[in-house]
Every structure is written in C-alpha cells, then in structure tokens.
Amino acid sequence: MSRLHLTFACGDYDRTRALEDGSARPDGIDLTYLRLPVEETFFRMLRHREFDVAEMSLSTYVATLDGDTRPFVALPVFTSRMFRHGGIYINANAGISAPSDLRGKRIATTRGSIGHYLLLRVLEANHLKSVDVQISFLSPGDTKAAFDSGSIDAWSTWTPYVPTALAGGARIVADGANYFNYNAFDVANAQSVVTKRTLLADFLRRETAAYIWAKSHPSDYAQVLAKETEEALKESEERYRQLVELSPDAIIVHSEGKFTYLNPAAQKLWAASCAEDLIGTPVLDLVHPDYRDVVKKRLAQLEQFGQPGPLMEEKSIRLDGQVIYR
C-alpha cells in the first residue's frame, strides 16, 4: 500500500520534536515536517493554504471564522499551551531599572514574533509608543551578537533564547507572563480534513506520542535543543561578525571611556597596525584637544542616558600624529 504525503508546518517545540527527527513515525504517512518561524507559517497558511496541517494561534484562528467560508478545522493538539515566551531582557549597564525606563533605548526583537508582540504590550502598559524607543528587527542570533557587543540596550525574546540572554549577564525588566496569556494549536486545511481524514487521525496520535516522549525524557530533549540552539546562534554570530569586520565604516566599541573593539576600518582610520594597538586606550587620547570637552560631554550623556548625541564632525589624532576629521 502506497504511503500518502502530509505536510506539517510548525515551530521548534519539545512536543513536536519526535515528529521532526523521526522518533515518532505516523503510520502510512510520508510526513514533511517544515520547521518555520511562526510569522511565516501563519502567513503562508492564511494566504495560500500551503500545508495540510500547521501551527496557528488562537486569535489568528478565530479571525478566520468571521467569513462566508471556514478554511480551517481546529485540531485538539496544543503546540504551545504553557507560557514560555520570556520577556524583555536588558544589559546591566543600560541604565534601565523599570519598563518605563525603556524610553529612548535601543531594543531588538524579531519582526512579527511573540517578542515583537510582547514589546508592544509592555510599551502600551507603560504609556509608551513604538516611536518612543529605537526598535531594531533582527534574527535571534544577530540580536544576541548585538546584545553582547553593547549595540542594543534590551532584547525582547522568548524560549529557547532566554537562557542565552541570562548567560550573557542580562537582567529581566519585563516578564511576559505578567502581560498576556498564550495558546497555540494545530489547524488542518479544510480540504485535507476531507481527503486525508484517516491520516490526520494517525498524525494526531503520533504528535501526542511525541509530546509524551518529550515530557518523559526532559534531559534527552534538553540536550538536543541546546545543541541546535547553540549551532544556530553561532552561525548568526559569525554572520554578524563578518558584517562588522568587512564594513567599510569604522566601528568601535568602548566601555568606561576605553576602546574594547575596533574593526579593520577603524584600525586603518587611526593608523593602528592591529586592534591591540588601541584596545584599552582612553578614547579621549585620540581626540584633538579642541574637541575633548565636547566629546567628554557626549560620552557622559551616553553613559548616563544611553542615548548618543547628534552627529557632528570631530578632529582626531592618529597614532602617527596626523590630524584627521571624522
């Protein structure tokens, strides 16, 4: 008897991992498990009905019921039933002690993600608007690299990236559990319910088995998840590093008034043979005396309020003594 094809689009969850890695195999089904970001899954399922089964949030599903046709059938499988979506985490030196302190800060999250939604809810609850903060939309891996370098002040994220943020010294300023509840479940394409009903029934049985396996083997699941998360983060960090290293613009990182990082363009700008020539050097040492008071005030403003001053031309002194404008 030939096996029938079934497509399933879902995020990376403990309760579905066994379906993805083949530990639980649906009878008579060639299952194509598509691990996709939730925003992509929702868009493709809602707009194009691309999958036989897909993860969907409760609010998204309810919205599809307000029409002449009902394209989806809710299935009694909850891919996300327990709140596990983290919160907004801050750098220790960002000068943030409460959500109201986020005004003017640089915050990164992933567009359309639960982190994006959480950020908007936190801002609203604290009488802030999105224009009151500087939002950058990045992948989780790129966000971690920016967070570690000090390029952003806060990270609105979710599991499994929460432990990564905490390991980097982050502190939580807004716990998502205080702002909303969350339920997500599977929906089946209405046509697939008719043409593949038996397969869907077996699929649900296998998905339940996968969930039970994950719950009863927490250590095994944790090891697999930790490995995959670490690999994804390393890949994104490497892309971010190459972007900074190959940038034609001078990029520096300083802490407590001293250089801690310079990309090759910055090294060339100040006539350094390598980054170590300047790391640990006070930033003001390379500022022309005519501009030191101005730069000192700008650094103090950045340290106190976390906000850079407006762009301005400055005179600097290179290591070879040449005076340059930048």
C-alpha atoms as a PDB file:
ATOM      1  CA  MET A   1       0.000   0.000   0.000  1.00  0.00           C
ATOM      2  CA  SER A   2       1.440   3.372  -1.018  1.00  0.00           C
ATOM      3  CA  ARG A   3       2.126   5.941   1.657  1.00  0.00           C
ATOM      4  CA  LEU A   4       0.356   9.294   1.456  1.00  0.00           C
ATOM      5  CA  HIS A   5       2.082  12.624   1.744  1.00  0.00           C
ATOM      6  CA  LEU A   6       1.246  15.035   4.575  1.00  0.00           C
ATOM      7  CA  THR A   7       2.847  18.441   5.185  1.00  0.00           C
ATOM      8  CA  PHE A   8       3.106  19.922   8.677  1.00  0.00           C
ATOM      9  CA  ALA A   9       4.431  23.451   9.327  1.00  0.00           C
ATOM     10  CA  CYS A  10       5.382  24.239  12.908  1.00  0.00           C
ATOM     11  CA  GLY A  11       7.956  25.878  15.133  1.00  0.00           C
ATOM     12  CA  ASP A  12      10.618  24.084  17.132  1.00  0.00           C
ATOM     13  CA  TYR A  13       8.810  22.674  20.179  1.00  0.00           C
ATOM     14  CA  ASP A  14       9.591  19.866  22.580  1.00  0.00           C
ATOM     15  CA  ARG A  15       6.170  18.310  21.995  1.00  0.00           C
ATOM     16  CA  THR A  16       6.757  18.027  18.229  1.00  0.00           C
ATOM     17  CA  ARG A  17      10.481  17.226  18.140  1.00  0.00           C
ATOM     18  CA  ALA A  18       9.921  13.463  17.848  1.00  0.00           C
ATOM     19  CA  LEU A  19       7.879  14.007  14.685  1.00  0.00           C
ATOM     20  CA  GLU A  20      10.669  16.047  13.146  1.00  0.00           C
ATOM     21  CA  ASP A  21      13.524  13.697  13.974  1.00  0.00           C
ATOM     22  CA  GLY A  22      11.518  10.568  13.125  1.00  0.00           C
ATOM     23  CA  SER A  23      11.314   9.137  16.637  1.00  0.00           C
ATOM     24  CA  ALA A  24       7.535   9.018  16.140  1.00  0.00           C
ATOM     25  CA  ARG A  25       6.506   7.956  12.621  1.00  0.00           C
ATOM     26  CA  PRO A  26       2.845   8.263  11.564  1.00  0.00           C
ATOM     27  CA  ASP A  27       1.548   5.027  10.032  1.00  0.00           C
ATOM     28  CA  GLY A  28       1.111   5.148   6.254  1.00  0.00           C
ATOM     29  CA  ILE A  29       2.339   8.741   6.031  1.00  0.00           C
ATOM     30  CA  ASP A  30       5.345  10.319   4.393  1.00  0.00           C
ATOM     31  CA  LEU A  31       5.477  13.327   6.683  1.00  0.00           C
ATOM     32  CA  THR A  32       7.197  16.505   5.581  1.00  0.00           C
ATOM     33  CA  TYR A  33       7.900  18.490   8.737  1.00  0.00           C
ATOM     34  CA  LEU A  34       8.616  22.110   7.920  1.00  0.00           C
ATOM     35  CA  ARG A  35      10.227  23.954  10.816  1.00  0.00           C
ATOM     36  CA  LEU A  36       9.357  27.580  10.112  1.00  0.00           C
ATOM     37  CA  PRO A  37       9.128  30.853  12.029  1.00  0.00           C
ATOM     38  CA  VAL A  38       5.591  31.338  13.276  1.00  0.00           C
ATOM     39  CA  GLU A  39       5.065  34.514  11.264  1.00  0.00           C
ATOM     40  CA  GLU A  40       5.950  32.684   8.041  1.00  0.00           C
ATOM     41  CA  THR A  41       3.769  29.676   8.936  1.00  0.00           C
ATOM     42  CA  PHE A  42       0.753  31.856   9.677  1.00  0.00           C
ATOM     43  CA  PHE A  43       1.168  33.962   6.543  1.00  0.00           C
ATOM     44  CA  ARG A  44       1.586  31.040   4.157  1.00  0.00           C
ATOM     45  CA  MET A  45      -1.269  29.055   5.694  1.00  0.00           C
ATOM     46  CA  LEU A  46      -3.661  32.006   5.807  1.00  0.00           C
ATOM     47  CA  ARG A  47      -2.818  33.426   2.403  1.00  0.00           C
ATOM     48  CA  HIS A  48      -2.074  30.352   0.315  1.00  0.00           C
ATOM     49  CA  ARG A  49      -3.337  27.301   2.310  1.00  0.00           C
ATOM     50  CA  GLU A  50       0.051  25.712   1.615  1.00  0.00           C
ATOM     51  CA  PHE A  51       0.064  22.986   4.282  1.00  0.00           C
ATOM     52  CA  ASP A  52      -2.153  20.101   5.306  1.00  0.00           C
ATOM     53  CA  VAL A  53      -1.562  20.941   8.974  1.00  0.00           C
ATOM     54  CA  ALA A  54       0.017  23.987  10.561  1.00  0.00           C
ATOM     55  CA  GLU A  55       0.536  25.639  13.906  1.00  0.00           C
ATOM     56  CA  MET A  56      -1.792  28.601  14.491  1.00  0.00           C
ATOM     57  CA  SER A  57      -2.501  30.927  17.377  1.00  0.00           C
ATOM     58  CA  LEU A  58      -5.957  31.100  18.897  1.00  0.00           C
ATOM     59  CA  SER A  59      -6.509  34.715  17.857  1.00  0.00           C
ATOM     60  CA  THR A  60      -5.463  34.004  14.268  1.00  0.00           C
ATOM     61  CA  TYR A  61      -7.765  31.008  14.005  1.00  0.00           C
ATOM     62  CA  VAL A  62     -10.729  32.860  15.493  1.00  0.00           C
ATOM     63  CA  ALA A  63     -10.227  35.642  12.949  1.00  0.00           C
ATOM     64  CA  THR A  64     -10.680  33.104  10.109  1.00  0.00           C
ATOM     65  CA  LEU A  65     -14.148  32.215  11.405  1.00  0.00           C
ATOM     66  CA  ASP A  66     -15.517  35.647  10.508  1.00  0.00           C
ATOM     67  CA  GLY A  67     -16.308  34.892   6.872  1.00  0.00           C
ATOM     68  CA  ASP A  68     -18.567  33.039   4.485  1.00  0.00           C
ATOM     69  CA  THR A  69     -16.232  30.049   4.383  1.00  0.00           C
ATOM     70  CA  ARG A  70     -14.217  28.497   7.157  1.00  0.00           C
ATOM     71  CA  PRO A  71     -10.972  27.280   5.622  1.00  0.00           C
ATOM     72  CA  PHE A  72      -9.537  25.535   8.671  1.00  0.00           C
ATOM     73  CA  VAL A  73     -10.511  22.931  11.233  1.00  0.00           C
ATOM     74  CA  ALA A  74      -9.015  23.242  14.706  1.00  0.00           C
ATOM     75  CA  LEU A  75      -7.308  20.089  15.934  1.00  0.00           C
ATOM     76  CA  PRO A  76      -7.126  19.152  19.629  1.00  0.00           C
ATOM     77  CA  VAL A  77      -3.332  19.389  19.811  1.00  0.00           C
ATOM     78  CA  PHE A  78      -1.723  22.333  21.598  1.00  0.00           C
ATOM     79  CA  THR A  79       1.770  23.061  20.330  1.00  0.00           C
ATOM     80  CA  SER A  80       2.046  25.832  22.929  1.00  0.00           C
ATOM     81  CA  ARG A  81      -0.196  25.693  25.954  1.00  0.00           C
ATOM     82  CA  MET A  82       2.159  26.815  28.689  1.00  0.00           C
ATOM     83  CA  PHE A  83       3.598  30.319  28.794  1.00  0.00           C
ATOM     84  CA  ARG A  84       7.258  30.041  27.851  1.00  0.00           C
ATOM     85  CA  HIS A  85       7.948  33.176  25.907  1.00  0.00           C
ATOM     86  CA  GLY A  86      10.349  35.013  28.150  1.00  0.00           C
ATOM     87  CA  GLY A  87      10.327  38.757  28.412  1.00  0.00           C
ATOM     88  CA  ILE A  88      12.397  41.862  27.810  1.00  0.00           C
ATOM     89  CA  TYR A  89      15.991  41.495  28.950  1.00  0.00           C
ATOM     90  CA  ILE A  90      18.415  44.362  29.437  1.00  0.00           C
ATOM     91  CA  ASN A  91      22.135  44.920  29.506  1.00  0.00           C
ATOM     92  CA  ALA A  92      23.347  45.550  33.038  1.00  0.00           C
ATOM     93  CA  ASN A  93      24.861  48.888  32.008  1.00  0.00           C
ATOM     94  CA  ALA A  94      21.865  50.141  30.033  1.00  0.00           C
ATOM     95  CA  GLY A  95      20.553  52.363  32.823  1.00  0.00           C
ATOM     96  CA  ILE A  96      17.187  50.574  32.883  1.00  0.00           C
ATOM     97  CA  SER A  97      15.547  49.519  36.128  1.00  0.00           C
ATOM     98  CA  ALA A  98      11.863  49.511  35.119  1.00  0.00           C
ATOM     99  CA  PRO A  99       9.859  49.218  31.859  1.00  0.00           C
ATOM    100  CA  SER A 100       9.234  52.972  31.942  1.00  0.00           C
ATOM    101  CA  ASP A 101      12.996  53.467  31.530  1.00  0.00           C
ATOM    102  CA  LEU A 102      12.840  51.963  28.031  1.00  0.00           C
ATOM    103  CA  ARG A 103      12.099  55.391  26.543  1.00  0.00           C
ATOM    104  CA  GLY A 104      14.810  56.273  24.032  1.00  0.00           C
ATOM    105  CA  LYS A 105      16.545  52.899  24.401  1.00  0.00           C
ATOM    106  CA  ARG A 106      17.693  50.591  21.621  1.00  0.00           C
ATOM    107  CA  ILE A 107      15.589  47.417  21.691  1.00  0.00           C
ATOM    108  CA  ALA A 108      15.884  44.442  19.354  1.00  0.00           C
ATOM    109  CA  THR A 109      13.394  41.707  18.579  1.00  0.00           C
ATOM    110  CA  THR A 110      12.219  39.667  15.584  1.00  0.00           C
ATOM    111  CA  ARG A 111       9.509  41.245  13.456  1.00  0.00           C
ATOM    112  CA  GLY A 112       6.124  39.537  13.826  1.00  0.00           C
ATOM    113  CA  SER A 113       7.351  37.288  16.629  1.00  0.00           C
ATOM    114  CA  ILE A 114       5.946  36.809  20.111  1.00  0.00           C
ATOM    115  CA  GLY A 115       8.814  39.030  21.266  1.00  0.00           C
ATOM    116  CA  HIS A 116       7.582  41.823  18.980  1.00  0.00           C
ATOM    117  CA  TYR A 117       4.061  41.500  20.360  1.00  0.00           C
ATOM    118  CA  LEU A 118       5.357  41.441  23.928  1.00  0.00           C
ATOM    119  CA  LEU A 119       7.369  44.598  23.341  1.00  0.00           C
ATOM    120  CA  LEU A 120       4.308  46.448  22.061  1.00  0.00           C
ATOM    121  CA  ARG A 121       2.247  45.274  25.042  1.00  0.00           C
ATOM    122  CA  VAL A 122       4.912  46.379  27.525  1.00  0.00           C
ATOM    123  CA  LEU A 123       5.212  49.782  25.877  1.00  0.00           C
ATOM    124  CA  GLU A 124       1.443  50.248  25.902  1.00  0.00           C
ATOM    125  CA  ALA A 125       1.154  49.214  29.545  1.00  0.00           C
ATOM    126  CA  ASN A 126       3.766  51.794  30.471  1.00  0.00           C
ATOM    127  CA  HIS A 127       2.237  54.639  28.441  1.00  0.00           C
ATOM    128  CA  LEU A 128       4.898  54.490  25.739  1.00  0.00           C
ATOM    129  CA  LYS A 129       4.609  54.231  21.964  1.00  0.00           C
ATOM    130  CA  SER A 130       6.846  52.445  19.497  1.00  0.00           C
ATOM    131  CA  VAL A 131       8.220  55.822  18.361  1.00  0.00           C
ATOM    132  CA  ASP A 132       9.435  56.424  21.914  1.00  0.00           C
ATOM    133  CA  VAL A 133      12.045  53.674  21.562  1.00  0.00           C
ATOM    134  CA  GLN A 134      14.522  52.610  18.890  1.00  0.00           C
ATOM    135  CA  ILE A 135      13.389  49.202  17.608  1.00  0.00           C
ATOM    136  CA  SER A 136      15.691  47.015  15.511  1.00  0.00           C
ATOM    137  CA  PHE A 137      14.275  43.891  13.864  1.00  0.00           C
ATOM    138  CA  LEU A 138      16.904  41.141  13.890  1.00  0.00           C
ATOM    139  CA  SER A 139      17.069  37.366  13.974  1.00  0.00           C
ATOM    140  CA  PRO A 140      17.662  35.910  17.464  1.00  0.00           C
ATOM    141  CA  GLY A 141      21.270  35.065  16.648  1.00  0.00           C
ATOM    142  CA  ASP A 142      22.022  38.531  15.274  1.00  0.00           C
ATOM    143  CA  THR A 143      20.284  40.062  18.291  1.00  0.00           C
ATOM    144  CA  LYS A 144      22.490  38.095  20.662  1.00  0.00           C
ATOM    145  CA  ALA A 145      25.608  39.326  18.879  1.00  0.00           C
ATOM    146  CA  ALA A 146      24.361  42.922  19.060  1.00  0.00           C
ATOM    147  CA  PHE A 147      23.407  42.436  22.711  1.00  0.00           C
ATOM    148  CA  ASP A 148      26.816  41.030  23.614  1.00  0.00           C
ATOM    149  CA  SER A 149      28.608  43.892  21.840  1.00  0.00           C
ATOM    150  CA  GLY A 150      26.519  46.546  23.590  1.00  0.00           C
ATOM    151  CA  SER A 151      24.967  47.778  20.342  1.00  0.00           C
ATOM    152  CA  ILE A 152      21.488  47.408  21.850  1.00  0.00           C
ATOM    153  CA  ASP A 153      20.159  48.063  25.328  1.00  0.00           C
ATOM    154  CA  ALA A 154      17.379  45.474  25.517  1.00  0.00           C
ATOM    155  CA  TRP A 155      16.235  42.235  23.885  1.00  0.00           C
ATOM    156  CA  SER A 156      12.585  41.159  23.733  1.00  0.00           C
ATOM    157  CA  THR A 157      12.831  37.406  23.301  1.00  0.00           C
ATOM    158  CA  TRP A 158      11.416  34.000  24.137  1.00  0.00           C
ATOM    159  CA  THR A 159      12.408  30.425  24.937  1.00  0.00           C
ATOM    160  CA  PRO A 160      14.859  28.907  23.971  1.00  0.00           C
ATOM    161  CA  TYR A 161      16.839  32.172  23.793  1.00  0.00           C
ATOM    162  CA  VAL A 162      16.085  33.248  27.356  1.00  0.00           C
ATOM    163  CA  PRO A 163      18.887  31.115  28.909  1.00  0.00           C
ATOM    164  CA  THR A 164      21.265  32.510  26.295  1.00  0.00           C
ATOM    165  CA  ALA A 165      20.413  36.073  27.300  1.00  0.00           C
ATOM    166  CA  LEU A 166      20.773  35.295  31.003  1.00  0.00           C
ATOM    167  CA  ALA A 167      24.094  33.561  30.440  1.00  0.00           C
ATOM    168  CA  GLY A 168      25.350  36.775  28.848  1.00  0.00           C
ATOM    169  CA  GLY A 169      24.617  38.739  32.004  1.00  0.00           C
ATOM    170  CA  ALA A 170      21.184  40.055  31.043  1.00  0.00           C
ATOM    171  CA  ARG A 171      18.545  41.028  33.607  1.00  0.00           C
ATOM    172  CA  ILE A 172      14.808  40.858  33.061  1.00  0.00           C
ATOM    173  CA  VAL A 173      12.905  44.132  33.145  1.00  0.00           C
ATOM    174  CA  ALA A 174       9.510  42.877  31.925  1.00  0.00           C
ATOM    175  CA  ASP A 175       8.281  39.307  32.444  1.00  0.00           C
ATOM    176  CA  GLY A 176       5.962  38.302  29.618  1.00  0.00           C
ATOM    177  CA  ALA A 177       3.820  36.228  31.970  1.00  0.00           C
ATOM    178  CA  ASN A 178       2.611  39.494  33.504  1.00  0.00           C
ATOM    179  CA  TYR A 179       1.352  40.879  30.206  1.00  0.00           C
ATOM    180  CA  PHE A 180      -0.607  38.166  28.423  1.00  0.00           C
ATOM    181  CA  ASN A 181      -1.564  34.513  28.246  1.00  0.00           C
ATOM    182  CA  TYR A 182      -0.784  32.389  25.224  1.00  0.00           C
ATOM    183  CA  ASN A 183      -2.375  29.421  23.454  1.00  0.00           C
ATOM    184  CA  ALA A 184      -1.464  27.979  20.084  1.00  0.00           C
ATOM    185  CA  PHE A 185      -2.676  24.788  18.445  1.00  0.00           C
ATOM    186  CA  ASP A 186      -2.759  22.978  15.120  1.00  0.00           C
ATOM    187  CA  VAL A 187      -5.239  23.616  12.351  1.00  0.00           C
ATOM    188  CA  ALA A 188      -5.855  21.448   9.326  1.00  0.00           C
ATOM    189  CA  ASN A 189      -6.652  22.640   5.850  1.00  0.00           C
ATOM    190  CA  ALA A 190     -10.406  22.003   5.430  1.00  0.00           C
ATOM    191  CA  GLN A 191      -9.817  20.112   2.193  1.00  0.00           C
ATOM    192  CA  SER A 192      -7.261  17.857   3.859  1.00  0.00           C
ATOM    193  CA  VAL A 193      -9.787  17.001   6.568  1.00  0.00           C
ATOM    194  CA  VAL A 194     -11.983  15.523   3.836  1.00  0.00           C
ATOM    195  CA  THR A 195      -9.324  13.837   1.697  1.00  0.00           C
ATOM    196  CA  LYS A 196      -6.881  12.738   4.398  1.00  0.00           C
ATOM    197  CA  ARG A 197      -9.059  12.227   7.452  1.00  0.00           C
ATOM    198  CA  THR A 198      -7.586   8.852   8.427  1.00  0.00           C
ATOM    199  CA  LEU A 199      -4.054  10.137   8.033  1.00  0.00           C
ATOM    200  CA  LEU A 200      -4.799  13.180  10.150  1.00  0.00           C
ATOM    201  CA  ALA A 201      -6.175  10.977  12.909  1.00  0.00           C
ATOM    202  CA  ASP A 202      -2.985   8.923  12.939  1.00  0.00           C
ATOM    203  CA  PHE A 203      -0.895  12.089  12.746  1.00  0.00           C
ATOM    204  CA  LEU A 204      -2.596  13.435  15.866  1.00  0.00           C
ATOM    205  CA  ARG A 205      -1.951  10.169  17.660  1.00  0.00           C
ATOM    206  CA  ARG A 206       1.739  10.353  16.745  1.00  0.00           C
ATOM    207  CA  GLU A 207       2.018  14.004  17.681  1.00  0.00           C
ATOM    208  CA  THR A 208       0.576  13.162  21.078  1.00  0.00           C
ATOM    209  CA  ALA A 209       3.150  10.386  21.399  1.00  0.00           C
ATOM    210  CA  ALA A 210       5.902  12.871  20.532  1.00  0.00           C
ATOM    211  CA  TYR A 211       4.685  15.230  23.237  1.00  0.00           C
ATOM    212  CA  ILE A 212       4.583  12.422  25.808  1.00  0.00           C
ATOM    213  CA  TRP A 213       8.125  11.393  24.858  1.00  0.00           C
ATOM    214  CA  ALA A 214       9.416  14.927  25.312  1.00  0.00           C
ATOM    215  CA  LYS A 215       7.737  15.260  28.695  1.00  0.00           C
ATOM    216  CA  SER A 216       9.087  11.919  29.910  1.00  0.00           C
ATOM    217  CA  HIS A 217      12.633  12.456  28.544  1.00  0.00           C
ATOM    218  CA  PRO A 218      13.423  16.054  29.580  1.00  0.00           C
ATOM    219  CA  SER A 219      17.176  15.509  29.727  1.00  0.00           C
ATOM    220  CA  ASP A 220      17.348  13.990  26.232  1.00  0.00           C
ATOM    221  CA  TYR A 221      15.228  16.765  24.800  1.00  0.00           C
ATOM    222  CA  ALA A 222      17.230  19.457  26.590  1.00  0.00           C
ATOM    223  CA  GLN A 223      20.475  18.109  25.098  1.00  0.00           C
ATOM    224  CA  VAL A 224      19.093  18.128  21.557  1.00  0.00           C
ATOM    225  CA  LEU A 225      17.574  21.595  21.922  1.00  0.00           C
ATOM    226  CA  ALA A 226      20.727  23.027  23.494  1.00  0.00           C
ATOM    227  CA  LYS A 227      22.869  21.706  20.655  1.00  0.00           C
ATOM    228  CA  GLU A 228      20.633  23.023  17.897  1.00  0.00           C
ATOM    229  CA  THR A 229      20.147  26.414  19.552  1.00  0.00           C
ATOM    230  CA  GLU A 230      23.888  26.801  20.089  1.00  0.00           C
ATOM    231  CA  GLU A 231      24.630  25.951  16.447  1.00  0.00           C
ATOM    232  CA  ALA A 232      22.062  28.443  15.144  1.00  0.00           C
ATOM    233  CA  LEU A 233      23.392  31.182  17.400  1.00  0.00           C
ATOM    234  CA  LYS A 234      26.989  30.511  16.389  1.00  0.00           C
ATOM    235  CA  GLU A 235      26.033  30.747  12.716  1.00  0.00           C
ATOM    236  CA  SER A 236      24.243  34.061  13.209  1.00  0.00           C
ATOM    237  CA  GLU A 237      27.048  35.431  15.352  1.00  0.00           C
ATOM    238  CA  GLU A 238      29.542  34.576  12.623  1.00  0.00           C
ATOM    239  CA  ARG A 239      27.430  36.409  10.020  1.00  0.00           C
ATOM    240  CA  TYR A 240      27.239  39.435  12.304  1.00  0.00           C
ATOM    241  CA  ARG A 241      30.982  39.328  12.973  1.00  0.00           C
ATOM    242  CA  GLN A 242      31.758  39.218   9.246  1.00  0.00           C
ATOM    243  CA  LEU A 243      29.373  42.107   8.607  1.00  0.00           C
ATOM    244  CA  VAL A 244      31.193  44.232  11.183  1.00  0.00           C
ATOM    245  CA  GLU A 245      34.670  43.087  10.174  1.00  0.00           C
ATOM    246  CA  LEU A 246      34.096  43.750   6.460  1.00  0.00           C
ATOM    247  CA  SER A 247      32.260  47.047   6.913  1.00  0.00           C
ATOM    248  CA  PRO A 248      33.965  49.962   5.124  1.00  0.00           C
ATOM    249  CA  ASP A 249      32.845  52.190   8.011  1.00  0.00           C
ATOM    250  CA  ALA A 250      34.870  52.482  11.190  1.00  0.00           C
ATOM    251  CA  ILE A 251      33.110  50.626  14.002  1.00  0.00           C
ATOM    252  CA  ILE A 252      34.318  50.790  17.584  1.00  0.00           C
ATOM    253  CA  VAL A 253      33.078  49.594  20.962  1.00  0.00           C
ATOM    254  CA  HIS A 254      34.160  51.360  24.130  1.00  0.00           C
ATOM    255  CA  SER A 255      33.486  50.798  27.802  1.00  0.00           C
ATOM    256  CA  GLU A 256      34.248  53.143  30.681  1.00  0.00           C
ATOM    257  CA  GLY A 257      35.884  55.517  28.215  1.00  0.00           C
ATOM    258  CA  LYS A 258      38.323  52.972  26.750  1.00  0.00           C
ATOM    259  CA  PHE A 259      38.413  51.109  23.443  1.00  0.00           C
ATOM    260  CA  THR A 260      37.366  47.449  23.699  1.00  0.00           C
ATOM    261  CA  TYR A 261      36.944  46.666  19.993  1.00  0.00           C
ATOM    262  CA  LEU A 262      37.873  48.190  16.626  1.00  0.00           C
ATOM    263  CA  ASN A 263      37.059  46.714  13.227  1.00  0.00           C
ATOM    264  CA  PRO A 264      39.729  46.834  10.467  1.00  0.00           C
ATOM    265  CA  ALA A 265      38.307  50.077   9.028  1.00  0.00           C
ATOM    266  CA  ALA A 266      38.678  51.755  12.435  1.00  0.00           C
ATOM    267  CA  GLN A 267      42.206  50.431  12.802  1.00  0.00           C
ATOM    268  CA  LYS A 268      43.101  51.919   9.420  1.00  0.00           C
ATOM    269  CA  LEU A 269      41.436  55.234  10.301  1.00  0.00           C
ATOM    270  CA  TRP A 270      43.674  55.676  13.356  1.00  0.00           C
ATOM    271  CA  ALA A 271      46.798  54.187  11.707  1.00  0.00           C
ATOM    272  CA  ALA A 272      46.907  51.171  14.023  1.00  0.00           C
ATOM    273  CA  SER A 273      48.748  48.080  12.856  1.00  0.00           C
ATOM    274  CA  CYS A 274      46.293  45.901  14.785  1.00  0.00           C
ATOM    275  CA  ALA A 275      43.392  46.270  17.185  1.00  0.00           C
ATOM    276  CA  GLU A 276      45.647  45.602  20.186  1.00  0.00           C
ATOM    277  CA  ASP A 277      47.433  48.908  19.482  1.00  0.00           C
ATOM    278  CA  LEU A 278      44.329  50.729  20.723  1.00  0.00           C
ATOM    279  CA  ILE A 279      42.373  48.329  22.935  1.00  0.00           C
ATOM    280  CA  GLY A 280      42.493  49.666  26.478  1.00  0.00           C
ATOM    281  CA  THR A 281      43.454  53.151  25.273  1.00  0.00           C
ATOM    282  CA  PRO A 282      41.233  56.006  26.530  1.00  0.00           C
ATOM    283  CA  VAL A 283      39.034  57.279  23.719  1.00  0.00           C
ATOM    284  CA  LEU A 284      39.865  60.882  24.617  1.00  0.00           C
ATOM    285  CA  ASP A 285      43.563  60.240  23.909  1.00  0.00           C
ATOM    286  CA  LEU A 286      42.748  60.185  20.187  1.00  0.00           C
ATOM    287  CA  VAL A 287      40.512  63.251  20.263  1.00  0.00           C
ATOM    288  CA  HIS A 288      42.037  66.592  19.284  1.00  0.00           C
ATOM    289  CA  PRO A 289      42.359  68.956  22.272  1.00  0.00           C
ATOM    290  CA  ASP A 290      39.939  71.395  20.598  1.00  0.00           C
ATOM    291  CA  TYR A 291      37.157  68.782  20.829  1.00  0.00           C
ATOM    292  CA  ARG A 292      37.871  66.930  24.065  1.00  0.00           C
ATOM    293  CA  ASP A 293      35.403  68.846  26.228  1.00  0.00           C
ATOM    294  CA  VAL A 294      32.642  68.289  23.681  1.00  0.00           C
ATOM    295  CA  VAL A 295      33.418  64.591  23.334  1.00  0.00           C
ATOM    296  CA  LYS A 296      33.687  64.186  27.117  1.00  0.00           C
ATOM    297  CA  LYS A 297      30.172  65.594  27.496  1.00  0.00           C
ATOM    298  CA  ARG A 298      28.842  63.336  24.749  1.00  0.00           C
ATOM    299  CA  LEU A 299      30.369  60.275  26.415  1.00  0.00           C
ATOM    300  CA  ALA A 300      28.868  61.278  29.761  1.00  0.00           C
ATOM    301  CA  GLN A 301      25.454  61.684  28.128  1.00  0.00           C
ATOM    302  CA  LEU A 302      25.755  58.265  26.518  1.00  0.00           C
ATOM    303  CA  GLU A 303      26.784  56.681  29.818  1.00  0.00           C
ATOM    304  CA  GLN A 304      24.020  58.334  31.817  1.00  0.00           C
ATOM    305  CA  PHE A 305      21.080  58.217  29.434  1.00  0.00           C
ATOM    306  CA  GLY A 306      22.077  55.529  26.936  1.00  0.00           C
ATOM    307  CA  GLN A 307      21.495  57.927  24.063  1.00  0.00           C
ATOM    308  CA  PRO A 308      24.177  59.149  21.641  1.00  0.00           C
ATOM    309  CA  GLY A 309      24.284  62.829  20.798  1.00  0.00           C
ATOM    310  CA  PRO A 310      23.566  64.187  17.309  1.00  0.00           C
ATOM    311  CA  LEU A 311      26.124  63.512  14.591  1.00  0.00           C
ATOM    312  CA  MET A 312      28.914  66.050  14.379  1.00  0.00           C
ATOM    313  CA  GLU A 313      32.296  66.418  12.763  1.00  0.00           C
ATOM    314  CA  GLU A 314      35.265  65.947  15.091  1.00  0.00           C
ATOM    315  CA  LYS A 315      39.037  66.229  14.824  1.00  0.00           C
ATOM    316  CA  SER A 316      41.048  63.204  15.872  1.00  0.00           C
ATOM    317  CA  ILE A 317      44.725  62.457  16.187  1.00  0.00           C
ATOM    318  CA  ARG A 318      46.013  59.261  14.591  1.00  0.00           C
ATOM    319  CA  LEU A 319      48.735  57.146  16.138  1.00  0.00           C
ATOM    320  CA  ASP A 320      51.174  58.566  13.574  1.00  0.00           C
ATOM    321  CA  GLY A 321      50.331  62.101  14.735  1.00  0.00           C
ATOM    322  CA  GLN A 322      48.270  63.088  11.702  1.00  0.00           C
ATOM    323  CA  VAL A 323      45.155  65.159  12.442  1.00  0.00           C
ATOM    324  CA  ILE A 324      42.018  63.946  10.681  1.00  0.00           C
ATOM    325  CA  TYR A 325      38.365  64.977  10.502  1.00  0.00           C
ATOM    326  CA  ARG A 326      35.726  62.333  11.010  1.00  0.00           C
END
